Amino acid sequence: MEDTVLFGLTFPQLEDLAFKILVPAFILYMIFIIANLAWKSKAGKYGTLWLFLALGIGFIGFIAKGLIQYLLGIE
């Protein structure tokens, strides 16, 4: 049984590439949204810090998970 090829890549290769490119792009977009929200609401330095902490805790955990896996050599 042959693997399905899309854009010259098998599905697992395409999935891995999308995971490595699209998820960080989405995280950068979320950072932009939080910064824009802080700027438009005139939150100030302290308010901006809390916005990033409260709204960014999900992708902070995602980044930490990837960093821990990299440091421990877990794939």
PDB file of N, CA and C in Angstrom:
ATOM      1  N   MET A   1       0.845  -1.184   0.000  1.00  0.00           N
ATOM      2  CA  MET A   1       0.000   0.000   0.000  1.00  0.00           C
ATOM      3  C   MET A   1       0.886   1.241   0.000  1.00  0.00           C
ATOM      4  N   GLU A   2       0.690   2.100  -0.982  1.00  0.00           N
ATOM      5  CA  GLU A   2       1.509   3.291  -1.100  1.00  0.00           C
ATOM      6  C   GLU A   2       0.909   4.435  -0.279  1.00  0.00           C
ATOM      7  N   ASP A   3       1.812   5.280   0.252  1.00  0.00           N
ATOM      8  CA  ASP A   3       1.351   6.462   0.960  1.00  0.00           C
ATOM      9  C   ASP A   3       0.852   7.490  -0.039  1.00  0.00           C
ATOM     10  N   THR A   4      -0.152   8.223   0.346  1.00  0.00           N
ATOM     11  CA  THR A   4      -0.677   9.283  -0.495  1.00  0.00           C
ATOM     12  C   THR A   4       0.348  10.406  -0.571  1.00  0.00           C
ATOM     13  N   VAL A   5       0.574  10.911  -1.775  1.00  0.00           N
ATOM     14  CA  VAL A   5       1.553  11.980  -1.980  1.00  0.00           C
ATOM     15  C   VAL A   5       0.806  13.255  -2.345  1.00  0.00           C
ATOM     16  N   LEU A   6       1.120  14.322  -1.630  1.00  0.00           N
ATOM     17  CA  LEU A   6       0.527  15.624  -1.885  1.00  0.00           C
ATOM     18  C   LEU A   6       1.648  16.643  -1.876  1.00  0.00           C
ATOM     19  N   PHE A   7       1.771  17.413  -2.950  1.00  0.00           N
ATOM     20  CA  PHE A   7       2.857  18.384  -3.110  1.00  0.00           C
ATOM     21  C   PHE A   7       4.226  17.708  -3.018  1.00  0.00           C
ATOM     22  N   GLY A   8       4.322  16.468  -3.429  1.00  0.00           N
ATOM     23  CA  GLY A   8       5.586  15.744  -3.407  1.00  0.00           C
ATOM     24  C   GLY A   8       5.968  15.214  -2.039  1.00  0.00           C
ATOM     25  N   LEU A   9       5.077  15.298  -1.073  1.00  0.00           N
ATOM     26  CA  LEU A   9       5.341  14.828   0.291  1.00  0.00           C
ATOM     27  C   LEU A   9       4.306  13.795   0.689  1.00  0.00           C
ATOM     28  N   THR A  10       4.718  12.846   1.506  1.00  0.00           N
ATOM     29  CA  THR A  10       3.746  11.909   2.068  1.00  0.00           C
ATOM     30  C   THR A  10       2.982  12.636   3.165  1.00  0.00           C
ATOM     31  N   PHE A  11       1.878  12.065   3.579  1.00  0.00           N
ATOM     32  CA  PHE A  11       1.052  12.721   4.587  1.00  0.00           C
ATOM     33  C   PHE A  11       1.804  12.970   5.902  1.00  0.00           C
ATOM     34  N   PRO A  12       2.559  11.995   6.434  1.00  0.00           N
ATOM     35  CA  PRO A  12       3.300  12.295   7.672  1.00  0.00           C
ATOM     36  C   PRO A  12       4.325  13.420   7.509  1.00  0.00           C
ATOM     37  N   GLN A  13       4.978  13.493   6.336  1.00  0.00           N
ATOM     38  CA  GLN A  13       5.936  14.569   6.095  1.00  0.00           C
ATOM     39  C   GLN A  13       5.229  15.918   6.016  1.00  0.00           C
ATOM     40  N   LEU A  14       4.099  15.952   5.325  1.00  0.00           N
ATOM     41  CA  LEU A  14       3.325  17.183   5.204  1.00  0.00           C
ATOM     42  C   LEU A  14       2.785  17.628   6.557  1.00  0.00           C
ATOM     43  N   GLU A  15       2.326  16.677   7.349  1.00  0.00           N
ATOM     44  CA  GLU A  15       1.811  16.981   8.685  1.00  0.00           C
ATOM     45  C   GLU A  15       2.913  17.549   9.574  1.00  0.00           C
ATOM     46  N   ASP A  16       4.098  16.967   9.522  1.00  0.00           N
ATOM     47  CA  ASP A  16       5.224  17.441  10.321  1.00  0.00           C
ATOM     48  C   ASP A  16       5.640  18.849   9.900  1.00  0.00           C
ATOM     49  N   LEU A  17       5.684  19.088   8.605  1.00  0.00           N
ATOM     50  CA  LEU A  17       6.045  20.403   8.095  1.00  0.00           C
ATOM     51  C   LEU A  17       5.019  21.457   8.504  1.00  0.00           C
ATOM     52  N   ALA A  18       3.744  21.125   8.371  1.00  0.00           N
ATOM     53  CA  ALA A  18       2.688  22.061   8.756  1.00  0.00           C
ATOM     54  C   ALA A  18       2.737  22.347  10.251  1.00  0.00           C
ATOM     55  N   PHE A  19       3.022  21.338  11.046  1.00  0.00           N
ATOM     56  CA  PHE A  19       3.085  21.516  12.493  1.00  0.00           C
ATOM     57  C   PHE A  19       4.236  22.432  12.880  1.00  0.00           C
ATOM     58  N   LYS A  20       5.350  22.316  12.166  1.00  0.00           N
ATOM     59  CA  LYS A  20       6.526  23.125  12.494  1.00  0.00           C
ATOM     60  C   LYS A  20       6.431  24.551  11.959  1.00  0.00           C
ATOM     61  N   ILE A  21       5.609  24.782  10.950  1.00  0.00           N
ATOM     62  CA  ILE A  21       5.511  26.115  10.359  1.00  0.00           C
ATOM     63  C   ILE A  21       4.225  26.831  10.774  1.00  0.00           C
ATOM     64  N   LEU A  22       3.089  26.152  10.686  1.00  0.00           N
ATOM     65  CA  LEU A  22       1.818  26.818  10.920  1.00  0.00           C
ATOM     66  C   LEU A  22       1.535  27.115  12.387  1.00  0.00           C
ATOM     67  N   VAL A  23       1.930  26.235  13.286  1.00  0.00           N
ATOM     68  CA  VAL A  23       1.685  26.490  14.708  1.00  0.00           C
ATOM     69  C   VAL A  23       2.500  27.683  15.208  1.00  0.00           C
ATOM     70  N   PRO A  24       3.806  27.779  14.895  1.00  0.00           N
ATOM     71  CA  PRO A  24       4.523  29.000  15.294  1.00  0.00           C
ATOM     72  C   PRO A  24       3.959  30.264  14.645  1.00  0.00           C
ATOM     73  N   ALA A  25       3.499  30.159  13.395  1.00  0.00           N
ATOM     74  CA  ALA A  25       2.888  31.315  12.738  1.00  0.00           C
ATOM     75  C   ALA A  25       1.617  31.731  13.467  1.00  0.00           C
ATOM     76  N   PHE A  26       0.831  30.760  13.904  1.00  0.00           N
ATOM     77  CA  PHE A  26      -0.388  31.049  14.659  1.00  0.00           C
ATOM     78  C   PHE A  26      -0.045  31.690  16.005  1.00  0.00           C
ATOM     79  N   ILE A  27       1.006  31.225  16.649  1.00  0.00           N
ATOM     80  CA  ILE A  27       1.428  31.811  17.932  1.00  0.00           C
ATOM     81  C   ILE A  27       1.864  33.257  17.729  1.00  0.00           C
ATOM     82  N   LEU A  28       2.623  33.529  16.672  1.00  0.00           N
ATOM     83  CA  LEU A  28       3.021  34.909  16.386  1.00  0.00           C
ATOM     84  C   LEU A  28       1.811  35.793  16.116  1.00  0.00           C
ATOM     85  N   TYR A  29       0.830  35.268  15.424  1.00  0.00           N
ATOM     86  CA  TYR A  29      -0.400  36.016  15.167  1.00  0.00           C
ATOM     87  C   TYR A  29      -1.142  36.302  16.476  1.00  0.00           C
ATOM     88  N   MET A  30      -1.184  35.338  17.373  1.00  0.00           N
ATOM     89  CA  MET A  30      -1.830  35.547  18.674  1.00  0.00           C
ATOM     90  C   MET A  30      -1.095  36.612  19.491  1.00  0.00           C
ATOM     91  N   ILE A  31       0.236  36.642  19.414  1.00  0.00           N
ATOM     92  CA  ILE A  31       1.008  37.678  20.098  1.00  0.00           C
ATOM     93  C   ILE A  31       0.642  39.045  19.536  1.00  0.00           C
ATOM     94  N   PHE A  32       0.512  39.135  18.208  1.00  0.00           N
ATOM     95  CA  PHE A  32       0.098  40.388  17.579  1.00  0.00           C
ATOM     96  C   PHE A  32      -1.281  40.811  18.072  1.00  0.00           C
ATOM     97  N   ILE A  33      -2.212  39.879  18.159  1.00  0.00           N
ATOM     98  CA  ILE A  33      -3.566  40.196  18.609  1.00  0.00           C
ATOM     99  C   ILE A  33      -3.553  40.712  20.048  1.00  0.00           C
ATOM    100  N   ILE A  34      -2.796  40.059  20.921  1.00  0.00           N
ATOM    101  CA  ILE A  34      -2.726  40.493  22.324  1.00  0.00           C
ATOM    102  C   ILE A  34      -2.092  41.879  22.420  1.00  0.00           C
ATOM    103  N   ALA A  35      -1.015  42.114  21.653  1.00  0.00           N
ATOM    104  CA  ALA A  35      -0.366  43.434  21.672  1.00  0.00           C
ATOM    105  C   ALA A  35      -1.305  44.508  21.141  1.00  0.00           C
ATOM    106  N   ASN A  36      -2.040  44.203  20.099  1.00  0.00           N
ATOM    107  CA  ASN A  36      -2.991  45.161  19.549  1.00  0.00           C
ATOM    108  C   ASN A  36      -4.109  45.451  20.554  1.00  0.00           C
ATOM    109  N   LEU A  37      -4.573  44.433  21.238  1.00  0.00           N
ATOM    110  CA  LEU A  37      -5.587  44.608  22.262  1.00  0.00           C
ATOM    111  C   LEU A  37      -5.075  45.498  23.391  1.00  0.00           C
ATOM    112  N   ALA A  38      -3.848  45.285  23.812  1.00  0.00           N
ATOM    113  CA  ALA A  38      -3.257  46.115  24.865  1.00  0.00           C
ATOM    114  C   ALA A  38      -3.104  47.557  24.409  1.00  0.00           C
ATOM    115  N   TRP A  39      -2.703  47.743  23.154  1.00  0.00           N
ATOM    116  CA  TRP A  39      -2.501  49.098  22.636  1.00  0.00           C
ATOM    117  C   TRP A  39      -3.828  49.841  22.509  1.00  0.00           C
ATOM    118  N   LYS A  40      -4.850  49.183  21.952  1.00  0.00           N
ATOM    119  CA  LYS A  40      -6.141  49.841  21.749  1.00  0.00           C
ATOM    120  C   LYS A  40      -6.875  50.107  23.059  1.00  0.00           C
ATOM    121  N   SER A  41      -6.645  49.286  24.059  1.00  0.00           N
ATOM    122  CA  SER A  41      -7.313  49.501  25.345  1.00  0.00           C
ATOM    123  C   SER A  41      -6.513  50.425  26.258  1.00  0.00           C
ATOM    124  N   LYS A  42      -5.327  50.865  25.787  1.00  0.00           N
ATOM    125  CA  LYS A  42      -4.449  51.735  26.573  1.00  0.00           C
ATOM    126  C   LYS A  42      -4.176  51.128  27.948  1.00  0.00           C
ATOM    127  N   ALA A  43      -3.755  49.877  27.931  1.00  0.00           N
ATOM    128  CA  ALA A  43      -3.580  49.108  29.163  1.00  0.00           C
ATOM    129  C   ALA A  43      -2.365  49.549  29.971  1.00  0.00           C
ATOM    130  N   GLY A  44      -1.403  50.164  29.369  1.00  0.00           N
ATOM    131  CA  GLY A  44      -0.187  50.534  30.082  1.00  0.00           C
ATOM    132  C   GLY A  44       0.743  49.339  30.208  1.00  0.00           C
ATOM    133  N   LYS A  45       1.881  49.558  30.855  1.00  0.00           N
ATOM    134  CA  LYS A  45       2.877  48.485  30.971  1.00  0.00           C
ATOM    135  C   LYS A  45       2.373  47.338  31.837  1.00  0.00           C
ATOM    136  N   TYR A  46       1.798  47.674  32.975  1.00  0.00           N
ATOM    137  CA  TYR A  46       1.336  46.643  33.905  1.00  0.00           C
ATOM    138  C   TYR A  46       0.156  45.860  33.319  1.00  0.00           C
ATOM    139  N   GLY A  47      -0.768  46.561  32.701  1.00  0.00           N
ATOM    140  CA  GLY A  47      -1.914  45.898  32.083  1.00  0.00           C
ATOM    141  C   GLY A  47      -1.502  45.022  30.915  1.00  0.00           C
ATOM    142  N   THR A  48      -0.527  45.502  30.139  1.00  0.00           N
ATOM    143  CA  THR A  48      -0.028  44.711  29.012  1.00  0.00           C
ATOM    144  C   THR A  48       0.632  43.431  29.501  1.00  0.00           C
ATOM    145  N   LEU A  49       1.384  43.538  30.580  1.00  0.00           N
ATOM    146  CA  LEU A  49       2.005  42.350  31.161  1.00  0.00           C
ATOM    147  C   LEU A  49       0.947  41.327  31.547  1.00  0.00           C
ATOM    148  N   TRP A  50      -0.112  41.775  32.203  1.00  0.00           N
ATOM    149  CA  TRP A  50      -1.162  40.854  32.630  1.00  0.00           C
ATOM    150  C   TRP A  50      -1.943  40.285  31.449  1.00  0.00           C
ATOM    151  N   LEU A  51      -2.125  41.091  30.414  1.00  0.00           N
ATOM    152  CA  LEU A  51      -2.781  40.566  29.215  1.00  0.00           C
ATOM    153  C   LEU A  51      -1.960  39.440  28.597  1.00  0.00           C
ATOM    154  N   PHE A  52      -0.654  39.665  28.476  1.00  0.00           N
ATOM    155  CA  PHE A  52       0.197  38.623  27.894  1.00  0.00           C
ATOM    156  C   PHE A  52       0.251  37.387  28.789  1.00  0.00           C
ATOM    157  N   LEU A  53       0.288  37.580  30.084  1.00  0.00           N
ATOM    158  CA  LEU A  53       0.307  36.420  30.983  1.00  0.00           C
ATOM    159  C   LEU A  53      -1.004  35.645  30.927  1.00  0.00           C
ATOM    160  N   ALA A  54      -2.110  36.353  31.001  1.00  0.00           N
ATOM    161  CA  ALA A  54      -3.412  35.680  31.058  1.00  0.00           C
ATOM    162  C   ALA A  54      -3.795  35.054  29.717  1.00  0.00           C
ATOM    163  N   LEU A  55      -3.614  35.796  28.637  1.00  0.00           N
ATOM    164  CA  LEU A  55      -4.053  35.300  27.337  1.00  0.00           C
ATOM    165  C   LEU A  55      -3.002  34.442  26.646  1.00  0.00           C
ATOM    166  N   GLY A  56      -1.745  34.591  27.049  1.00  0.00           N
ATOM    167  CA  GLY A  56      -0.691  33.854  26.390  1.00  0.00           C
ATOM    168  C   GLY A  56      -0.237  32.608  27.105  1.00  0.00           C
ATOM    169  N   ILE A  57      -0.885  32.241  28.200  1.00  0.00           N
ATOM    170  CA  ILE A  57      -0.429  31.104  29.004  1.00  0.00           C
ATOM    171  C   ILE A  57      -0.502  29.788  28.218  1.00  0.00           C
ATOM    172  N   GLY A  58      -1.453  29.663  27.291  1.00  0.00           N
ATOM    173  CA  GLY A  58      -1.582  28.433  26.512  1.00  0.00           C
ATOM    174  C   GLY A  58      -0.402  28.190  25.603  1.00  0.00           C
ATOM    175  N   PHE A  59      -0.022  29.199  24.835  1.00  0.00           N
ATOM    176  CA  PHE A  59       1.113  28.963  23.941  1.00  0.00           C
ATOM    177  C   PHE A  59       2.441  29.054  24.664  1.00  0.00           C
ATOM    178  N   ILE A  60       2.466  29.657  25.836  1.00  0.00           N
ATOM    179  CA  ILE A  60       3.689  29.601  26.646  1.00  0.00           C
ATOM    180  C   ILE A  60       3.935  28.150  27.068  1.00  0.00           C
ATOM    181  N   GLY A  61       2.885  27.449  27.459  1.00  0.00           N
ATOM    182  CA  GLY A  61       3.002  26.033  27.795  1.00  0.00           C
ATOM    183  C   GLY A  61       3.393  25.189  26.600  1.00  0.00           C
ATOM    184  N   PHE A  62       2.853  25.529  25.432  1.00  0.00           N
ATOM    185  CA  PHE A  62       3.194  24.793  24.209  1.00  0.00           C
ATOM    186  C   PHE A  62       4.672  24.969  23.867  1.00  0.00           C
ATOM    187  N   ILE A  63       5.171  26.196  23.982  1.00  0.00           N
ATOM    188  CA  ILE A  63       6.582  26.462  23.706  1.00  0.00           C
ATOM    189  C   ILE A  63       7.462  25.756  24.740  1.00  0.00           C
ATOM    190  N   ALA A  64       7.060  25.801  26.011  1.00  0.00           N
ATOM    191  CA  ALA A  64       7.836  25.137  27.061  1.00  0.00           C
ATOM    192  C   ALA A  64       7.899  23.633  26.816  1.00  0.00           C
ATOM    193  N   LYS A  65       6.791  23.041  26.390  1.00  0.00           N
ATOM    194  CA  LYS A  65       6.769  21.604  26.095  1.00  0.00           C
ATOM    195  C   LYS A  65       7.764  21.259  24.994  1.00  0.00           C
ATOM    196  N   GLY A  66       7.770  22.037  23.933  1.00  0.00           N
ATOM    197  CA  GLY A  66       8.710  21.799  22.842  1.00  0.00           C
ATOM    198  C   GLY A  66      10.151  21.983  23.274  1.00  0.00           C
ATOM    199  N   LEU A  67      10.406  22.988  24.093  1.00  0.00           N
ATOM    200  CA  LEU A  67      11.764  23.234  24.589  1.00  0.00           C
ATOM    201  C   LEU A  67      12.233  22.104  25.497  1.00  0.00           C
ATOM    202  N   ILE A  68      11.365  21.633  26.368  1.00  0.00           N
ATOM    203  CA  ILE A  68      11.719  20.521  27.259  1.00  0.00           C
ATOM    204  C   ILE A  68      11.993  19.257  26.452  1.00  0.00           C
ATOM    205  N   GLN A  69      11.160  18.986  25.455  1.00  0.00           N
ATOM    206  CA  GLN A  69      11.390  17.820  24.606  1.00  0.00           C
ATOM    207  C   GLN A  69      12.716  17.931  23.877  1.00  0.00           C
ATOM    208  N   TYR A  70      13.049  19.110  23.406  1.00  0.00           N
ATOM    209  CA  TYR A  70      14.318  19.313  22.695  1.00  0.00           C
ATOM    210  C   TYR A  70      15.501  19.112  23.629  1.00  0.00           C
ATOM    211  N   LEU A  71      15.417  19.670  24.822  1.00  0.00           N
ATOM    212  CA  LEU A  71      16.527  19.574  25.770  1.00  0.00           C
ATOM    213  C   LEU A  71      16.745  18.138  26.277  1.00  0.00           C
ATOM    214  N   LEU A  72      15.661  17.382  26.407  1.00  0.00           N
ATOM    215  CA  LEU A  72      15.766  16.001  26.876  1.00  0.00           C
ATOM    216  C   LEU A  72      15.981  14.998  25.732  1.00  0.00           C
ATOM    217  N   GLY A  73      15.911  15.475  24.503  1.00  0.00           N
ATOM    218  CA  GLY A  73      16.097  14.581  23.370  1.00  0.00           C
ATOM    219  C   GLY A  73      14.920  13.672  23.108  1.00  0.00           C
ATOM    220  N   ILE A  74      13.733  14.074  23.522  1.00  0.00           N
ATOM    221  CA  ILE A  74      12.517  13.282  23.321  1.00  0.00           C
ATOM    222  C   ILE A  74      11.875  13.756  22.029  1.00  0.00           C
ATOM    223  N   GLU A  75      11.466  12.836  21.188  1.00  0.00           N
ATOM    224  CA  GLU A  75      10.844  13.217  19.927  1.00  0.00           C
ATOM    225  C   GLU A  75       9.492  12.616  19.817  1.00  0.00           C
TER     226      GLU A  75
END
